[in-house]
Amino acid sequence: MSADPATIAYYQTNAPRYTLSFGQAPSRHLDAFLDRLEPGARVLELGCGGGRDSARIAERGFDLDATDGTPAMVRKANERFDVGARHMLFEDLDAHDAYDAVWAHACLLHVARAELPKVLAAIRTALRPGGWHFANYKLGDGEGRDPLGRLTNLPDVNWLEHVYSEAGFAIAASQRYRGEGADGVVRDWLALTVRKP
């Protein structure tokens, strides 16, 4: 399993743009997800980007471990929000029963479909029993490159829910919504909140 070089290169080059041009508010799904957790819960953030969600997680008093696969994004998150972000690719996740939650906003959509089951298995292993996981995906009919050259897995709802079920997660909430990506394309997305038994 390996990160897509073109996708990493895109984020490495465009890290300043993500830090400055995107809205300052955290993800629309974040607070509802955090409301499910016990105070002080240990939260792993995958794909922290410029750190806006990281800052909110820390602000709410959770024990944050912010990570991103792009060194420039890690630097930006730490420069702007001082969240202690560290560099880690999805494939490098090797924790066992270490987290109460894994937050992955708009990042697992860049995992190749063939690799997604392995990544989800690693997330499940990293979670403590009863742990929560959130991820959202652009929906489509087959993986490929978006207009910015990034790999995007573009699953349909049935395939995605099946992959999560096969990985041993129970789906607690599923929300389909319209959203615009950084590539300017408006499409349906799926937000999944799942739990490790």
N, C-alpha and C. Protein backbone atom coordinates (compact mmCIF):
# COMPACT_ATOMS: atom_id res chain seq x y z
N MET A 1 0.85 -1.17 0.00
CA MET A 1 0.00 0.00 0.00
C MET A 1 0.89 1.23 0.00
N SER A 2 0.60 2.19 -0.87
CA SER A 2 1.43 3.38 -0.91
C SER A 2 0.59 4.59 -1.29
N ALA A 3 0.99 5.75 -0.79
CA ALA A 3 0.30 6.97 -1.12
C ALA A 3 0.52 7.30 -2.60
N ASP A 4 -0.45 7.98 -3.19
CA ASP A 4 -0.33 8.37 -4.59
C ASP A 4 0.61 9.57 -4.71
N PRO A 5 1.73 9.43 -5.42
CA PRO A 5 2.71 10.53 -5.48
C PRO A 5 2.16 11.83 -6.05
N ALA A 6 1.32 11.75 -7.07
CA ALA A 6 0.79 12.96 -7.67
C ALA A 6 -0.13 13.70 -6.71
N THR A 7 -0.90 12.97 -5.92
CA THR A 7 -1.79 13.60 -4.95
C THR A 7 -0.98 14.28 -3.85
N ILE A 8 0.03 13.59 -3.33
CA ILE A 8 0.89 14.18 -2.30
C ILE A 8 1.58 15.43 -2.86
N ALA A 9 2.07 15.34 -4.09
CA ALA A 9 2.76 16.48 -4.71
C ALA A 9 1.82 17.68 -4.85
N TYR A 10 0.57 17.42 -5.21
CA TYR A 10 -0.40 18.51 -5.32
C TYR A 10 -0.54 19.24 -3.99
N TYR A 11 -0.75 18.49 -2.91
CA TYR A 11 -0.93 19.11 -1.60
C TYR A 11 0.35 19.78 -1.11
N GLN A 12 1.48 19.20 -1.42
CA GLN A 12 2.76 19.80 -1.02
C GLN A 12 2.91 21.19 -1.67
N THR A 13 2.57 21.27 -2.94
CA THR A 13 2.69 22.54 -3.66
C THR A 13 1.63 23.55 -3.24
N ASN A 14 0.44 23.07 -2.93
CA ASN A 14 -0.69 23.96 -2.69
C ASN A 14 -1.04 24.17 -1.22
N ALA A 15 -0.18 23.74 -0.32
CA ALA A 15 -0.46 23.89 1.11
C ALA A 15 -0.80 25.33 1.50
N PRO A 16 -0.06 26.35 1.01
CA PRO A 16 -0.43 27.72 1.39
C PRO A 16 -1.84 28.10 0.96
N ARG A 17 -2.25 27.63 -0.19
CA ARG A 17 -3.61 27.93 -0.68
C ARG A 17 -4.66 27.34 0.25
N TYR A 18 -4.45 26.12 0.71
CA TYR A 18 -5.41 25.48 1.60
C TYR A 18 -5.47 26.18 2.94
N THR A 19 -4.36 26.70 3.38
CA THR A 19 -4.32 27.38 4.67
C THR A 19 -5.04 28.72 4.60
N LEU A 20 -4.92 29.42 3.49
CA LEU A 20 -5.41 30.79 3.42
C LEU A 20 -6.79 30.93 2.79
N SER A 21 -7.12 30.07 1.81
CA SER A 21 -8.31 30.36 1.01
C SER A 21 -9.57 29.64 1.47
N PHE A 22 -9.44 28.59 2.24
CA PHE A 22 -10.63 27.86 2.64
C PHE A 22 -11.23 28.47 3.90
N GLY A 23 -12.51 28.27 4.09
CA GLY A 23 -13.22 28.84 5.22
C GLY A 23 -12.56 28.51 6.55
N GLN A 24 -12.69 29.43 7.46
CA GLN A 24 -12.03 29.28 8.76
C GLN A 24 -12.81 28.36 9.69
N ALA A 25 -14.08 28.15 9.43
CA ALA A 25 -14.89 27.31 10.31
C ALA A 25 -14.49 25.85 10.16
N PRO A 26 -14.62 25.07 11.24
CA PRO A 26 -14.35 23.63 11.12
C PRO A 26 -15.40 22.95 10.26
N SER A 27 -15.15 21.69 9.93
CA SER A 27 -16.08 20.91 9.13
C SER A 27 -17.48 20.94 9.74
N ARG A 28 -18.47 20.95 8.88
CA ARG A 28 -19.87 20.98 9.33
C ARG A 28 -20.26 19.75 10.14
N HIS A 29 -19.48 18.67 9.99
CA HIS A 29 -19.81 17.42 10.68
C HIS A 29 -19.07 17.24 12.01
N LEU A 30 -18.09 18.10 12.28
CA LEU A 30 -17.16 17.83 13.38
C LEU A 30 -17.82 17.87 14.75
N ASP A 31 -18.54 18.92 15.08
CA ASP A 31 -19.08 19.02 16.44
C ASP A 31 -20.05 17.90 16.77
N ALA A 32 -20.88 17.52 15.81
CA ALA A 32 -21.82 16.41 16.06
C ALA A 32 -21.05 15.12 16.32
N PHE A 33 -19.94 14.93 15.61
CA PHE A 33 -19.11 13.75 15.85
C PHE A 33 -18.48 13.81 17.24
N LEU A 34 -17.92 14.94 17.59
CA LEU A 34 -17.28 15.08 18.90
C LEU A 34 -18.27 14.93 20.05
N ASP A 35 -19.52 15.30 19.80
CA ASP A 35 -20.55 15.16 20.84
C ASP A 35 -20.78 13.71 21.23
N ARG A 36 -20.38 12.77 20.40
CA ARG A 36 -20.54 11.35 20.72
C ARG A 36 -19.47 10.85 21.71
N LEU A 37 -18.41 11.62 21.90
CA LEU A 37 -17.25 11.16 22.65
C LEU A 37 -17.31 11.57 24.11
N GLU A 38 -16.60 10.80 24.93
CA GLU A 38 -16.46 11.15 26.34
C GLU A 38 -15.48 12.32 26.46
N PRO A 39 -15.63 13.16 27.49
CA PRO A 39 -14.67 14.25 27.69
C PRO A 39 -13.23 13.72 27.76
N GLY A 40 -12.33 14.42 27.09
CA GLY A 40 -10.93 14.05 27.13
C GLY A 40 -10.56 12.86 26.27
N ALA A 41 -11.47 12.39 25.44
CA ALA A 41 -11.20 11.22 24.59
C ALA A 41 -9.97 11.47 23.70
N ARG A 42 -9.27 10.38 23.39
CA ARG A 42 -8.08 10.44 22.53
C ARG A 42 -8.55 10.36 21.08
N VAL A 43 -8.24 11.39 20.27
CA VAL A 43 -8.73 11.48 18.89
C VAL A 43 -7.55 11.53 17.92
N LEU A 44 -7.52 10.59 17.01
CA LEU A 44 -6.57 10.61 15.91
C LEU A 44 -7.22 11.31 14.74
N GLU A 45 -6.54 12.34 14.22
CA GLU A 45 -7.03 12.98 13.00
C GLU A 45 -6.13 12.58 11.85
N LEU A 46 -6.72 12.00 10.82
CA LEU A 46 -6.02 11.68 9.58
C LEU A 46 -6.27 12.82 8.60
N GLY A 47 -5.23 13.21 7.86
CA GLY A 47 -5.40 14.27 6.87
C GLY A 47 -5.80 15.59 7.48
N CYS A 48 -5.03 16.07 8.45
CA CYS A 48 -5.42 17.28 9.17
C CYS A 48 -5.34 18.54 8.31
N GLY A 49 -4.64 18.48 7.18
CA GLY A 49 -4.56 19.64 6.31
C GLY A 49 -4.02 20.85 7.04
N GLY A 50 -4.67 22.00 6.85
CA GLY A 50 -4.20 23.24 7.46
C GLY A 50 -4.49 23.37 8.94
N GLY A 51 -5.21 22.40 9.54
CA GLY A 51 -5.37 22.34 10.98
C GLY A 51 -6.63 22.95 11.55
N ARG A 52 -7.59 23.33 10.70
CA ARG A 52 -8.79 23.99 11.25
C ARG A 52 -9.62 23.03 12.12
N ASP A 53 -9.77 21.77 11.70
CA ASP A 53 -10.50 20.81 12.53
C ASP A 53 -9.67 20.43 13.74
N SER A 54 -8.36 20.33 13.57
CA SER A 54 -7.47 20.01 14.69
C SER A 54 -7.66 21.03 15.81
N ALA A 55 -7.69 22.30 15.43
CA ALA A 55 -7.82 23.36 16.42
C ALA A 55 -9.13 23.23 17.19
N ARG A 56 -10.19 22.88 16.48
CA ARG A 56 -11.50 22.73 17.14
C ARG A 56 -11.50 21.52 18.08
N ILE A 57 -10.90 20.43 17.65
CA ILE A 57 -10.83 19.23 18.50
C ILE A 57 -10.09 19.55 19.80
N ALA A 58 -8.96 20.24 19.67
CA ALA A 58 -8.18 20.61 20.86
C ALA A 58 -8.94 21.62 21.72
N GLU A 59 -9.58 22.58 21.07
CA GLU A 59 -10.36 23.61 21.79
C GLU A 59 -11.44 22.98 22.65
N ARG A 60 -12.01 21.89 22.17
CA ARG A 60 -13.08 21.22 22.92
C ARG A 60 -12.54 20.28 24.00
N GLY A 61 -11.23 20.26 24.18
CA GLY A 61 -10.65 19.54 25.30
C GLY A 61 -10.30 18.09 25.05
N PHE A 62 -10.29 17.68 23.77
CA PHE A 62 -9.94 16.29 23.47
C PHE A 62 -8.43 16.14 23.33
N ASP A 63 -7.96 14.93 23.53
CA ASP A 63 -6.53 14.59 23.45
C ASP A 63 -6.22 14.30 21.98
N LEU A 64 -5.69 15.28 21.28
CA LEU A 64 -5.54 15.24 19.83
C LEU A 64 -4.21 14.68 19.38
N ASP A 65 -4.26 13.81 18.36
CA ASP A 65 -3.08 13.37 17.63
C ASP A 65 -3.35 13.69 16.16
N ALA A 66 -2.89 14.86 15.70
CA ALA A 66 -3.16 15.31 14.34
C ALA A 66 -2.06 14.83 13.41
N THR A 67 -2.45 14.28 12.25
CA THR A 67 -1.48 13.75 11.28
C THR A 67 -1.88 14.17 9.87
N ASP A 68 -0.88 14.22 9.00
CA ASP A 68 -1.14 14.44 7.57
C ASP A 68 0.00 13.81 6.79
N GLY A 69 -0.32 13.37 5.57
CA GLY A 69 0.69 12.71 4.73
C GLY A 69 1.55 13.66 3.93
N THR A 70 1.29 14.96 4.05
CA THR A 70 2.04 15.97 3.30
C THR A 70 2.83 16.84 4.27
N PRO A 71 4.16 16.83 4.20
CA PRO A 71 4.96 17.63 5.13
C PRO A 71 4.60 19.11 5.16
N ALA A 72 4.28 19.69 4.00
CA ALA A 72 3.94 21.11 3.98
C ALA A 72 2.66 21.39 4.73
N MET A 73 1.70 20.48 4.67
CA MET A 73 0.46 20.65 5.42
C MET A 73 0.71 20.56 6.91
N VAL A 74 1.56 19.63 7.33
CA VAL A 74 1.90 19.51 8.74
C VAL A 74 2.50 20.83 9.25
N ARG A 75 3.43 21.39 8.48
CA ARG A 75 4.05 22.67 8.86
C ARG A 75 3.01 23.77 8.99
N LYS A 76 2.10 23.85 8.01
CA LYS A 76 1.09 24.90 8.04
C LYS A 76 0.17 24.75 9.25
N ALA A 77 -0.26 23.53 9.54
CA ALA A 77 -1.14 23.30 10.69
C ALA A 77 -0.46 23.73 11.98
N ASN A 78 0.82 23.43 12.10
CA ASN A 78 1.54 23.78 13.32
C ASN A 78 1.85 25.27 13.39
N GLU A 79 2.18 25.88 12.26
CA GLU A 79 2.44 27.32 12.25
C GLU A 79 1.20 28.11 12.62
N ARG A 80 0.08 27.68 12.10
CA ARG A 80 -1.14 28.46 12.28
C ARG A 80 -1.86 28.18 13.58
N PHE A 81 -1.88 26.89 13.99
CA PHE A 81 -2.69 26.52 15.15
C PHE A 81 -1.90 25.86 16.29
N ASP A 82 -0.63 25.54 16.07
CA ASP A 82 0.21 24.93 17.10
C ASP A 82 -0.46 23.68 17.70
N VAL A 83 -0.86 22.76 16.82
CA VAL A 83 -1.60 21.58 17.25
C VAL A 83 -0.72 20.33 17.41
N GLY A 84 0.59 20.48 17.21
CA GLY A 84 1.47 19.32 17.36
C GLY A 84 1.28 18.29 16.28
N ALA A 85 0.88 18.72 15.09
CA ALA A 85 0.66 17.77 13.99
C ALA A 85 1.97 17.09 13.60
N ARG A 86 1.85 15.87 13.12
CA ARG A 86 3.01 15.10 12.69
C ARG A 86 2.74 14.46 11.33
N HIS A 87 3.83 14.16 10.63
CA HIS A 87 3.73 13.55 9.32
C HIS A 87 3.46 12.05 9.45
N MET A 88 2.41 11.57 8.80
CA MET A 88 2.11 10.15 8.77
C MET A 88 1.23 9.85 7.57
N LEU A 89 1.64 8.89 6.77
CA LEU A 89 0.80 8.39 5.69
C LEU A 89 -0.23 7.42 6.25
N PHE A 90 -1.34 7.27 5.57
CA PHE A 90 -2.36 6.31 6.01
C PHE A 90 -1.74 4.93 6.20
N GLU A 91 -0.86 4.56 5.29
CA GLU A 91 -0.26 3.23 5.32
C GLU A 91 0.65 3.01 6.53
N ASP A 92 1.04 4.10 7.19
CA ASP A 92 1.93 4.00 8.34
C ASP A 92 1.19 3.87 9.67
N LEU A 93 -0.13 3.91 9.64
CA LEU A 93 -0.91 3.76 10.87
C LEU A 93 -0.72 2.34 11.40
N ASP A 94 -0.16 2.25 12.60
CA ASP A 94 0.18 0.95 13.18
C ASP A 94 -0.09 0.95 14.68
N ALA A 95 -1.20 1.54 15.08
CA ALA A 95 -1.55 1.62 16.50
C ALA A 95 -2.56 0.52 16.84
N HIS A 96 -2.59 0.14 18.11
CA HIS A 96 -3.50 -0.91 18.58
C HIS A 96 -4.26 -0.41 19.81
N ASP A 97 -5.58 -0.35 19.70
CA ASP A 97 -6.42 0.07 20.83
C ASP A 97 -5.92 1.36 21.47
N ALA A 98 -5.53 2.32 20.64
CA ALA A 98 -4.88 3.54 21.13
C ALA A 98 -5.79 4.77 21.13
N TYR A 99 -6.88 4.72 20.39
CA TYR A 99 -7.71 5.92 20.21
C TYR A 99 -9.18 5.62 20.49
N ASP A 100 -9.86 6.66 20.97
CA ASP A 100 -11.32 6.56 21.15
C ASP A 100 -12.07 6.97 19.89
N ALA A 101 -11.38 7.68 19.00
CA ALA A 101 -12.02 8.14 17.77
C ALA A 101 -10.97 8.41 16.71
N VAL A 102 -11.37 8.24 15.45
CA VAL A 102 -10.53 8.59 14.31
C VAL A 102 -11.36 9.49 13.40
N TRP A 103 -10.89 10.72 13.25
CA TRP A 103 -11.55 11.72 12.41
C TRP A 103 -10.79 11.81 11.09
N ALA A 104 -11.50 11.64 9.96
CA ALA A 104 -10.85 11.65 8.64
C ALA A 104 -11.70 12.44 7.65
N HIS A 105 -11.68 13.75 7.79
CA HIS A 105 -12.51 14.61 6.94
C HIS A 105 -11.87 14.77 5.56
N ALA A 106 -12.60 14.38 4.51
CA ALA A 106 -12.22 14.63 3.12
C ALA A 106 -10.79 14.23 2.80
N CYS A 107 -10.36 13.08 3.32
CA CYS A 107 -8.99 12.62 3.01
C CYS A 107 -8.96 11.17 2.52
N LEU A 108 -9.76 10.30 3.10
CA LEU A 108 -9.76 8.89 2.66
C LEU A 108 -10.31 8.74 1.24
N LEU A 109 -10.91 9.80 0.73
CA LEU A 109 -11.38 9.77 -0.66
C LEU A 109 -10.21 9.69 -1.65
N HIS A 110 -8.98 9.92 -1.15
CA HIS A 110 -7.80 9.82 -2.00
C HIS A 110 -7.12 8.45 -1.94
N VAL A 111 -7.69 7.52 -1.19
CA VAL A 111 -7.13 6.16 -1.11
C VAL A 111 -7.66 5.34 -2.28
N ALA A 112 -6.77 4.66 -2.99
CA ALA A 112 -7.22 3.80 -4.09
C ALA A 112 -8.22 2.77 -3.56
N ARG A 113 -9.22 2.46 -4.35
CA ARG A 113 -10.26 1.52 -3.90
C ARG A 113 -9.68 0.19 -3.42
N ALA A 114 -8.67 -0.30 -4.14
CA ALA A 114 -8.08 -1.59 -3.78
C ALA A 114 -7.40 -1.53 -2.42
N GLU A 115 -6.97 -0.33 -2.00
CA GLU A 115 -6.25 -0.17 -0.74
C GLU A 115 -7.15 0.21 0.43
N LEU A 116 -8.36 0.67 0.14
CA LEU A 116 -9.22 1.17 1.21
C LEU A 116 -9.52 0.12 2.29
N PRO A 117 -9.80 -1.15 1.94
CA PRO A 117 -10.02 -2.13 3.01
C PRO A 117 -8.85 -2.25 3.99
N LYS A 118 -7.61 -2.14 3.49
CA LYS A 118 -6.45 -2.22 4.38
C LYS A 118 -6.37 -1.02 5.30
N VAL A 119 -6.68 0.16 4.76
CA VAL A 119 -6.66 1.36 5.58
C VAL A 119 -7.75 1.29 6.66
N LEU A 120 -8.94 0.83 6.28
CA LEU A 120 -10.02 0.72 7.26
C LEU A 120 -9.69 -0.32 8.33
N ALA A 121 -9.04 -1.39 7.95
CA ALA A 121 -8.62 -2.39 8.93
C ALA A 121 -7.64 -1.79 9.93
N ALA A 122 -6.72 -0.96 9.44
CA ALA A 122 -5.76 -0.30 10.33
C ALA A 122 -6.45 0.67 11.27
N ILE A 123 -7.45 1.39 10.76
CA ILE A 123 -8.22 2.31 11.61
C ILE A 123 -8.96 1.53 12.68
N ARG A 124 -9.59 0.43 12.30
CA ARG A 124 -10.32 -0.39 13.27
C ARG A 124 -9.39 -0.91 14.35
N THR A 125 -8.21 -1.37 13.96
CA THR A 125 -7.23 -1.87 14.92
C THR A 125 -6.76 -0.75 15.86
N ALA A 126 -6.63 0.45 15.33
CA ALA A 126 -6.16 1.59 16.13
C ALA A 126 -7.19 2.04 17.16
N LEU A 127 -8.46 1.74 16.90
CA LEU A 127 -9.53 2.15 17.81
C LEU A 127 -9.68 1.21 18.99
N ARG A 128 -10.02 1.77 20.12
CA ARG A 128 -10.40 0.96 21.28
C ARG A 128 -11.81 0.40 21.04
N PRO A 129 -12.19 -0.66 21.73
CA PRO A 129 -13.56 -1.18 21.59
C PRO A 129 -14.57 -0.06 21.86
N GLY A 130 -15.57 0.02 20.99
CA GLY A 130 -16.57 1.07 21.10
C GLY A 130 -16.14 2.39 20.48
N GLY A 131 -14.95 2.42 19.87
CA GLY A 131 -14.43 3.65 19.29
C GLY A 131 -15.18 4.09 18.04
N TRP A 132 -15.12 5.39 17.77
CA TRP A 132 -15.86 6.00 16.67
C TRP A 132 -14.93 6.41 15.53
N HIS A 133 -15.47 6.39 14.31
CA HIS A 133 -14.72 6.84 13.14
C HIS A 133 -15.65 7.60 12.21
N PHE A 134 -15.14 8.73 11.70
CA PHE A 134 -15.87 9.52 10.71
C PHE A 134 -15.02 9.68 9.47
N ALA A 135 -15.66 9.56 8.31
CA ALA A 135 -15.01 9.89 7.03
C ALA A 135 -16.10 10.31 6.05
N ASN A 136 -15.73 11.19 5.12
CA ASN A 136 -16.67 11.55 4.05
C ASN A 136 -15.98 11.41 2.71
N TYR A 137 -16.80 11.07 1.72
CA TYR A 137 -16.30 10.70 0.39
C TYR A 137 -17.12 11.39 -0.68
N LYS A 138 -16.45 11.78 -1.76
CA LYS A 138 -17.15 12.19 -2.97
C LYS A 138 -17.71 10.94 -3.63
N LEU A 139 -18.96 10.99 -4.05
CA LEU A 139 -19.58 9.83 -4.68
C LEU A 139 -19.40 9.88 -6.20
N GLY A 140 -19.35 8.69 -6.80
CA GLY A 140 -19.20 8.60 -8.25
C GLY A 140 -19.33 7.18 -8.72
N ASP A 141 -18.77 6.90 -9.88
CA ASP A 141 -18.92 5.56 -10.46
C ASP A 141 -17.59 4.95 -10.87
N GLY A 142 -16.52 5.34 -10.22
CA GLY A 142 -15.23 4.74 -10.53
C GLY A 142 -14.09 5.69 -10.22
N GLU A 143 -13.00 5.14 -9.69
CA GLU A 143 -11.89 6.01 -9.31
C GLU A 143 -11.16 6.57 -10.52
N GLY A 144 -10.50 7.69 -10.30
CA GLY A 144 -9.74 8.33 -11.37
C GLY A 144 -9.10 9.60 -10.85
N ARG A 145 -8.70 10.46 -11.76
CA ARG A 145 -8.07 11.74 -11.42
C ARG A 145 -9.11 12.85 -11.51
N ASP A 146 -9.09 13.73 -10.52
CA ASP A 146 -9.98 14.89 -10.60
C ASP A 146 -9.32 15.97 -11.45
N PRO A 147 -9.99 17.09 -11.70
CA PRO A 147 -9.40 18.13 -12.54
C PRO A 147 -8.07 18.70 -12.03
N LEU A 148 -7.76 18.46 -10.74
CA LEU A 148 -6.50 18.93 -10.17
C LEU A 148 -5.40 17.86 -10.21
N GLY A 149 -5.74 16.68 -10.76
CA GLY A 149 -4.76 15.61 -10.89
C GLY A 149 -4.67 14.69 -9.69
N ARG A 150 -5.56 14.88 -8.70
CA ARG A 150 -5.53 14.05 -7.49
C ARG A 150 -6.29 12.74 -7.72
N LEU A 151 -5.76 11.66 -7.17
CA LEU A 151 -6.47 10.39 -7.20
C LEU A 151 -7.70 10.49 -6.29
N THR A 152 -8.84 10.09 -6.80
CA THR A 152 -10.09 10.13 -6.03
C THR A 152 -10.84 8.83 -6.29
N ASN A 153 -11.26 8.15 -5.20
CA ASN A 153 -11.83 6.81 -5.37
C ASN A 153 -13.28 6.80 -5.85
N LEU A 154 -14.03 7.87 -5.66
CA LEU A 154 -15.39 8.05 -6.21
C LEU A 154 -16.26 6.79 -6.13
N PRO A 155 -16.52 6.29 -4.93
CA PRO A 155 -17.36 5.09 -4.80
C PRO A 155 -18.85 5.44 -4.89
N ASP A 156 -19.68 4.41 -5.03
CA ASP A 156 -21.11 4.62 -4.84
C ASP A 156 -21.45 4.22 -3.40
N VAL A 157 -22.66 4.58 -2.97
CA VAL A 157 -23.05 4.39 -1.58
C VAL A 157 -23.00 2.92 -1.18
N ASN A 158 -23.56 2.05 -2.00
CA ASN A 158 -23.61 0.62 -1.65
C ASN A 158 -22.22 0.03 -1.49
N TRP A 159 -21.33 0.35 -2.41
CA TRP A 159 -19.96 -0.18 -2.33
C TRP A 159 -19.27 0.30 -1.06
N LEU A 160 -19.41 1.58 -0.77
CA LEU A 160 -18.73 2.16 0.38
C LEU A 160 -19.25 1.57 1.69
N GLU A 161 -20.56 1.47 1.81
CA GLU A 161 -21.12 0.89 3.04
C GLU A 161 -20.74 -0.57 3.19
N HIS A 162 -20.65 -1.29 2.08
CA HIS A 162 -20.22 -2.69 2.12
C HIS A 162 -18.77 -2.81 2.60
N VAL A 163 -17.89 -1.95 2.10
CA VAL A 163 -16.48 -1.99 2.51
C VAL A 163 -16.34 -1.72 4.00
N TYR A 164 -17.10 -0.78 4.51
CA TYR A 164 -17.05 -0.50 5.96
C TYR A 164 -17.59 -1.67 6.77
N SER A 165 -18.67 -2.26 6.29
CA SER A 165 -19.23 -3.42 6.99
C SER A 165 -18.26 -4.59 6.99
N GLU A 166 -17.62 -4.84 5.86
CA GLU A 166 -16.64 -5.92 5.77
C GLU A 166 -15.43 -5.67 6.66
N ALA A 167 -15.11 -4.40 6.91
CA ALA A 167 -13.99 -4.06 7.78
C ALA A 167 -14.36 -4.21 9.26
N GLY A 168 -15.62 -4.53 9.54
CA GLY A 168 -16.02 -4.78 10.92
C GLY A 168 -16.60 -3.59 11.64
N PHE A 169 -17.05 -2.58 10.89
CA PHE A 169 -17.65 -1.41 11.50
C PHE A 169 -19.17 -1.49 11.44
N ALA A 170 -19.81 -0.95 12.46
CA ALA A 170 -21.26 -0.78 12.45
C ALA A 170 -21.55 0.66 12.06
N ILE A 171 -22.38 0.85 11.06
CA ILE A 171 -22.70 2.21 10.60
C ILE A 171 -23.75 2.81 11.52
N ALA A 172 -23.38 3.93 12.15
CA ALA A 172 -24.28 4.61 13.09
C ALA A 172 -25.05 5.72 12.40
N ALA A 173 -24.44 6.36 11.41
CA ALA A 173 -25.10 7.45 10.69
C ALA A 173 -24.51 7.56 9.30
N SER A 174 -25.38 7.86 8.34
CA SER A 174 -24.97 8.01 6.94
C SER A 174 -25.73 9.19 6.36
N GLN A 175 -25.01 10.18 5.87
CA GLN A 175 -25.67 11.37 5.33
C GLN A 175 -25.15 11.68 3.94
N ARG A 176 -26.07 11.74 3.00
CA ARG A 176 -25.74 12.13 1.64
C ARG A 176 -26.02 13.62 1.50
N TYR A 177 -25.11 14.36 0.89
CA TYR A 177 -25.29 15.80 0.76
C TYR A 177 -24.54 16.30 -0.47
N ARG A 178 -24.90 17.51 -0.92
CA ARG A 178 -24.21 18.15 -2.05
C ARG A 178 -23.07 18.99 -1.52
N GLY A 179 -21.94 18.93 -2.22
CA GLY A 179 -20.81 19.72 -1.79
C GLY A 179 -19.88 20.00 -2.96
N GLU A 180 -19.12 21.10 -2.83
CA GLU A 180 -18.15 21.47 -3.84
C GLU A 180 -16.75 21.18 -3.34
N GLY A 181 -15.98 20.44 -4.12
CA GLY A 181 -14.61 20.13 -3.76
C GLY A 181 -13.67 21.25 -4.16
N ALA A 182 -12.41 21.10 -3.78
CA ALA A 182 -11.39 22.09 -4.14
C ALA A 182 -11.22 22.20 -5.65
N ASP A 183 -11.65 21.15 -6.37
CA ASP A 183 -11.55 21.17 -7.83
C ASP A 183 -12.69 21.95 -8.49
N GLY A 184 -13.60 22.49 -7.68
CA GLY A 184 -14.71 23.27 -8.20
C GLY A 184 -15.90 22.45 -8.68
N VAL A 185 -15.81 21.12 -8.55
CA VAL A 185 -16.89 20.24 -9.01
C VAL A 185 -17.90 20.05 -7.87
N VAL A 186 -19.16 20.31 -8.16
CA VAL A 186 -20.24 20.07 -7.20
C VAL A 186 -20.80 18.69 -7.46
N ARG A 187 -20.84 17.87 -6.42
CA ARG A 187 -21.34 16.50 -6.56
C ARG A 187 -21.92 16.05 -5.23
N ASP A 188 -22.51 14.85 -5.23
CA ASP A 188 -22.98 14.25 -3.99
C ASP A 188 -21.79 13.70 -3.21
N TRP A 189 -21.86 13.84 -1.90
CA TRP A 189 -20.89 13.28 -0.97
C TRP A 189 -21.64 12.36 -0.01
N LEU A 190 -20.89 11.48 0.64
CA LEU A 190 -21.46 10.65 1.71
C LEU A 190 -20.60 10.81 2.94
N ALA A 191 -21.25 11.19 4.05
CA ALA A 191 -20.59 11.27 5.35
C ALA A 191 -20.99 10.05 6.16
N LEU A 192 -20.01 9.31 6.63
CA LEU A 192 -20.24 8.10 7.40
C LEU A 192 -19.70 8.24 8.81
N THR A 193 -20.52 7.93 9.78
CA THR A 193 -20.08 7.80 11.17
C THR A 193 -20.29 6.35 11.56
N VAL A 194 -19.19 5.70 11.93
CA VAL A 194 -19.23 4.26 12.20
C VAL A 194 -18.60 3.99 13.56
N ARG A 195 -18.83 2.76 14.05
CA ARG A 195 -18.31 2.40 15.38
C ARG A 195 -17.72 1.02 15.37
N LYS A 196 -16.61 0.87 16.08
CA LYS A 196 -16.03 -0.45 16.31
C LYS A 196 -16.79 -1.12 17.44
N PRO A 197 -17.27 -2.34 17.25
CA PRO A 197 -18.04 -3.01 18.32
C PRO A 197 -17.22 -3.15 19.60
